[in-house]
């Protein structure tokens, strides 16, 4: 069941990345001028349990995104 939810969540993440034209942290700065290095933030989840937020954070970081948790 958890794996199924994980795949669904990953699908949402990938859809957001594609629809919003986001790039991973590793791609930032490739072929861009210094004036174009601006960061925009996107909230990708809201969780009742911190452990679930930490799990998504680890996944996002593994995929090259800068992920933070705020309460």
C-alpha atoms as a PDB file:
ATOM      1  CA  UNK A   1       0.000   0.000   0.000  1.00  0.00           C
ATOM      2  CA  UNK A   2       2.774   2.445   0.893  1.00  0.00           C
ATOM      3  CA  UNK A   3       4.607   1.726  -2.376  1.00  0.00           C
ATOM      4  CA  UNK A   4       1.399   2.496  -4.269  1.00  0.00           C
ATOM      5  CA  UNK A   5       1.050   5.843  -2.464  1.00  0.00           C
ATOM      6  CA  UNK A   6       4.712   6.562  -3.110  1.00  0.00           C
ATOM      7  CA  UNK A   7       4.251   5.997  -6.848  1.00  0.00           C
ATOM      8  CA  UNK A   8       1.186   8.238  -6.892  1.00  0.00           C
ATOM      9  CA  UNK A   9       3.084  10.968  -5.025  1.00  0.00           C
ATOM     10  CA  UNK A  10       5.992  10.625  -7.436  1.00  0.00           C
ATOM     11  CA  UNK A  11       3.562  10.981 -10.334  1.00  0.00           C
ATOM     12  CA  UNK A  12       2.272  14.238  -8.865  1.00  0.00           C
ATOM     13  CA  UNK A  13       5.815  15.508  -8.416  1.00  0.00           C
ATOM     14  CA  UNK A  14       6.795  14.655 -11.973  1.00  0.00           C
ATOM     15  CA  UNK A  15       3.614  16.270 -13.312  1.00  0.00           C
ATOM     16  CA  UNK A  16       4.307  19.473 -11.351  1.00  0.00           C
ATOM     17  CA  UNK A  17       7.870  19.544 -12.610  1.00  0.00           C
ATOM     18  CA  UNK A  18       6.729  19.124 -16.199  1.00  0.00           C
ATOM     19  CA  UNK A  19       3.694  21.445 -16.148  1.00  0.00           C
ATOM     20  CA  UNK A  20       5.483  24.215 -14.268  1.00  0.00           C
ATOM     21  CA  UNK A  21       8.692  23.864 -16.256  1.00  0.00           C
ATOM     22  CA  UNK A  22      10.796  23.266 -13.145  1.00  0.00           C
ATOM     23  CA  UNK A  23      14.403  22.133 -13.245  1.00  0.00           C
ATOM     24  CA  UNK A  24      16.410  20.219 -10.703  1.00  0.00           C
ATOM     25  CA  UNK A  25      19.056  21.961  -8.617  1.00  0.00           C
ATOM     26  CA  UNK A  26      21.713  20.255 -10.736  1.00  0.00           C
ATOM     27  CA  UNK A  27      20.363  21.950 -13.876  1.00  0.00           C
ATOM     28  CA  UNK A  28      20.251  25.458 -12.405  1.00  0.00           C
ATOM     29  CA  UNK A  29      22.898  27.669 -13.913  1.00  0.00           C
ATOM     30  CA  UNK A  30      23.582  25.573 -17.000  1.00  0.00           C
ATOM     31  CA  UNK A  31      23.684  28.031 -19.879  1.00  0.00           C
ATOM     32  CA  UNK A  32      22.185  30.872 -17.843  1.00  0.00           C
ATOM     33  CA  UNK A  33      23.492  34.337 -17.185  1.00  0.00           C
ATOM     34  CA  UNK A  34      24.091  35.397 -13.600  1.00  0.00           C
ATOM     35  CA  UNK A  35      21.065  37.729 -13.705  1.00  0.00           C
ATOM     36  CA  UNK A  36      18.801  34.772 -14.518  1.00  0.00           C
ATOM     37  CA  UNK A  37      19.730  32.832 -11.346  1.00  0.00           C
ATOM     38  CA  UNK A  38      16.537  33.404  -9.400  1.00  0.00           C
ATOM     39  CA  UNK A  39      14.852  30.889  -7.198  1.00  0.00           C
ATOM     40  CA  UNK A  40      11.143  30.319  -6.913  1.00  0.00           C
ATOM     41  CA  UNK A  41       9.732  27.968  -4.335  1.00  0.00           C
ATOM     42  CA  UNK A  42       6.972  25.424  -4.717  1.00  0.00           C
ATOM     43  CA  UNK A  43       5.258  23.613  -1.883  1.00  0.00           C
ATOM     44  CA  UNK A  44       4.862  19.980  -2.842  1.00  0.00           C
ATOM     45  CA  UNK A  45       3.149  18.631   0.230  1.00  0.00           C
ATOM     46  CA  UNK A  46       1.444  19.231   3.546  1.00  0.00           C
ATOM     47  CA  UNK A  47       1.674  16.492   6.158  1.00  0.00           C
ATOM     48  CA  UNK A  48       0.232  15.779   9.568  1.00  0.00           C
ATOM     49  CA  UNK A  49       3.229  13.628  10.498  1.00  0.00           C
ATOM     50  CA  UNK A  50       6.800  14.879  10.259  1.00  0.00           C
ATOM     51  CA  UNK A  51       8.050  11.431   9.229  1.00  0.00           C
ATOM     52  CA  UNK A  52       6.029  11.636   6.009  1.00  0.00           C
ATOM     53  CA  UNK A  53       7.475  15.063   5.220  1.00  0.00           C
ATOM     54  CA  UNK A  54      10.986  13.752   5.850  1.00  0.00           C
ATOM     55  CA  UNK A  55      10.387  10.813   3.538  1.00  0.00           C
ATOM     56  CA  UNK A  56       9.347  13.095   0.671  1.00  0.00           C
ATOM     57  CA  UNK A  57      12.273  15.397   1.437  1.00  0.00           C
ATOM     58  CA  UNK A  58      14.723  12.493   1.081  1.00  0.00           C
ATOM     59  CA  UNK A  59      13.142  11.493  -2.229  1.00  0.00           C
ATOM     60  CA  UNK A  60      13.294  15.008  -3.630  1.00  0.00           C
ATOM     61  CA  UNK A  61      16.917  15.433  -2.557  1.00  0.00           C
ATOM     62  CA  UNK A  62      17.799  12.104  -4.161  1.00  0.00           C
ATOM     63  CA  UNK A  63      16.331  13.448  -7.410  1.00  0.00           C
ATOM     64  CA  UNK A  64      18.468  16.584  -7.201  1.00  0.00           C
ATOM     65  CA  UNK A  65      15.988  19.064  -5.744  1.00  0.00           C
ATOM     66  CA  UNK A  66      16.703  21.313  -2.799  1.00  0.00           C
ATOM     67  CA  UNK A  67      14.029  20.374  -0.271  1.00  0.00           C
ATOM     68  CA  UNK A  68      13.378  21.911   3.117  1.00  0.00           C
ATOM     69  CA  UNK A  69      10.810  21.256   5.821  1.00  0.00           C
ATOM     70  CA  UNK A  70       9.083  24.089   7.615  1.00  0.00           C
ATOM     71  CA  UNK A  71       6.485  23.855  10.345  1.00  0.00           C
END
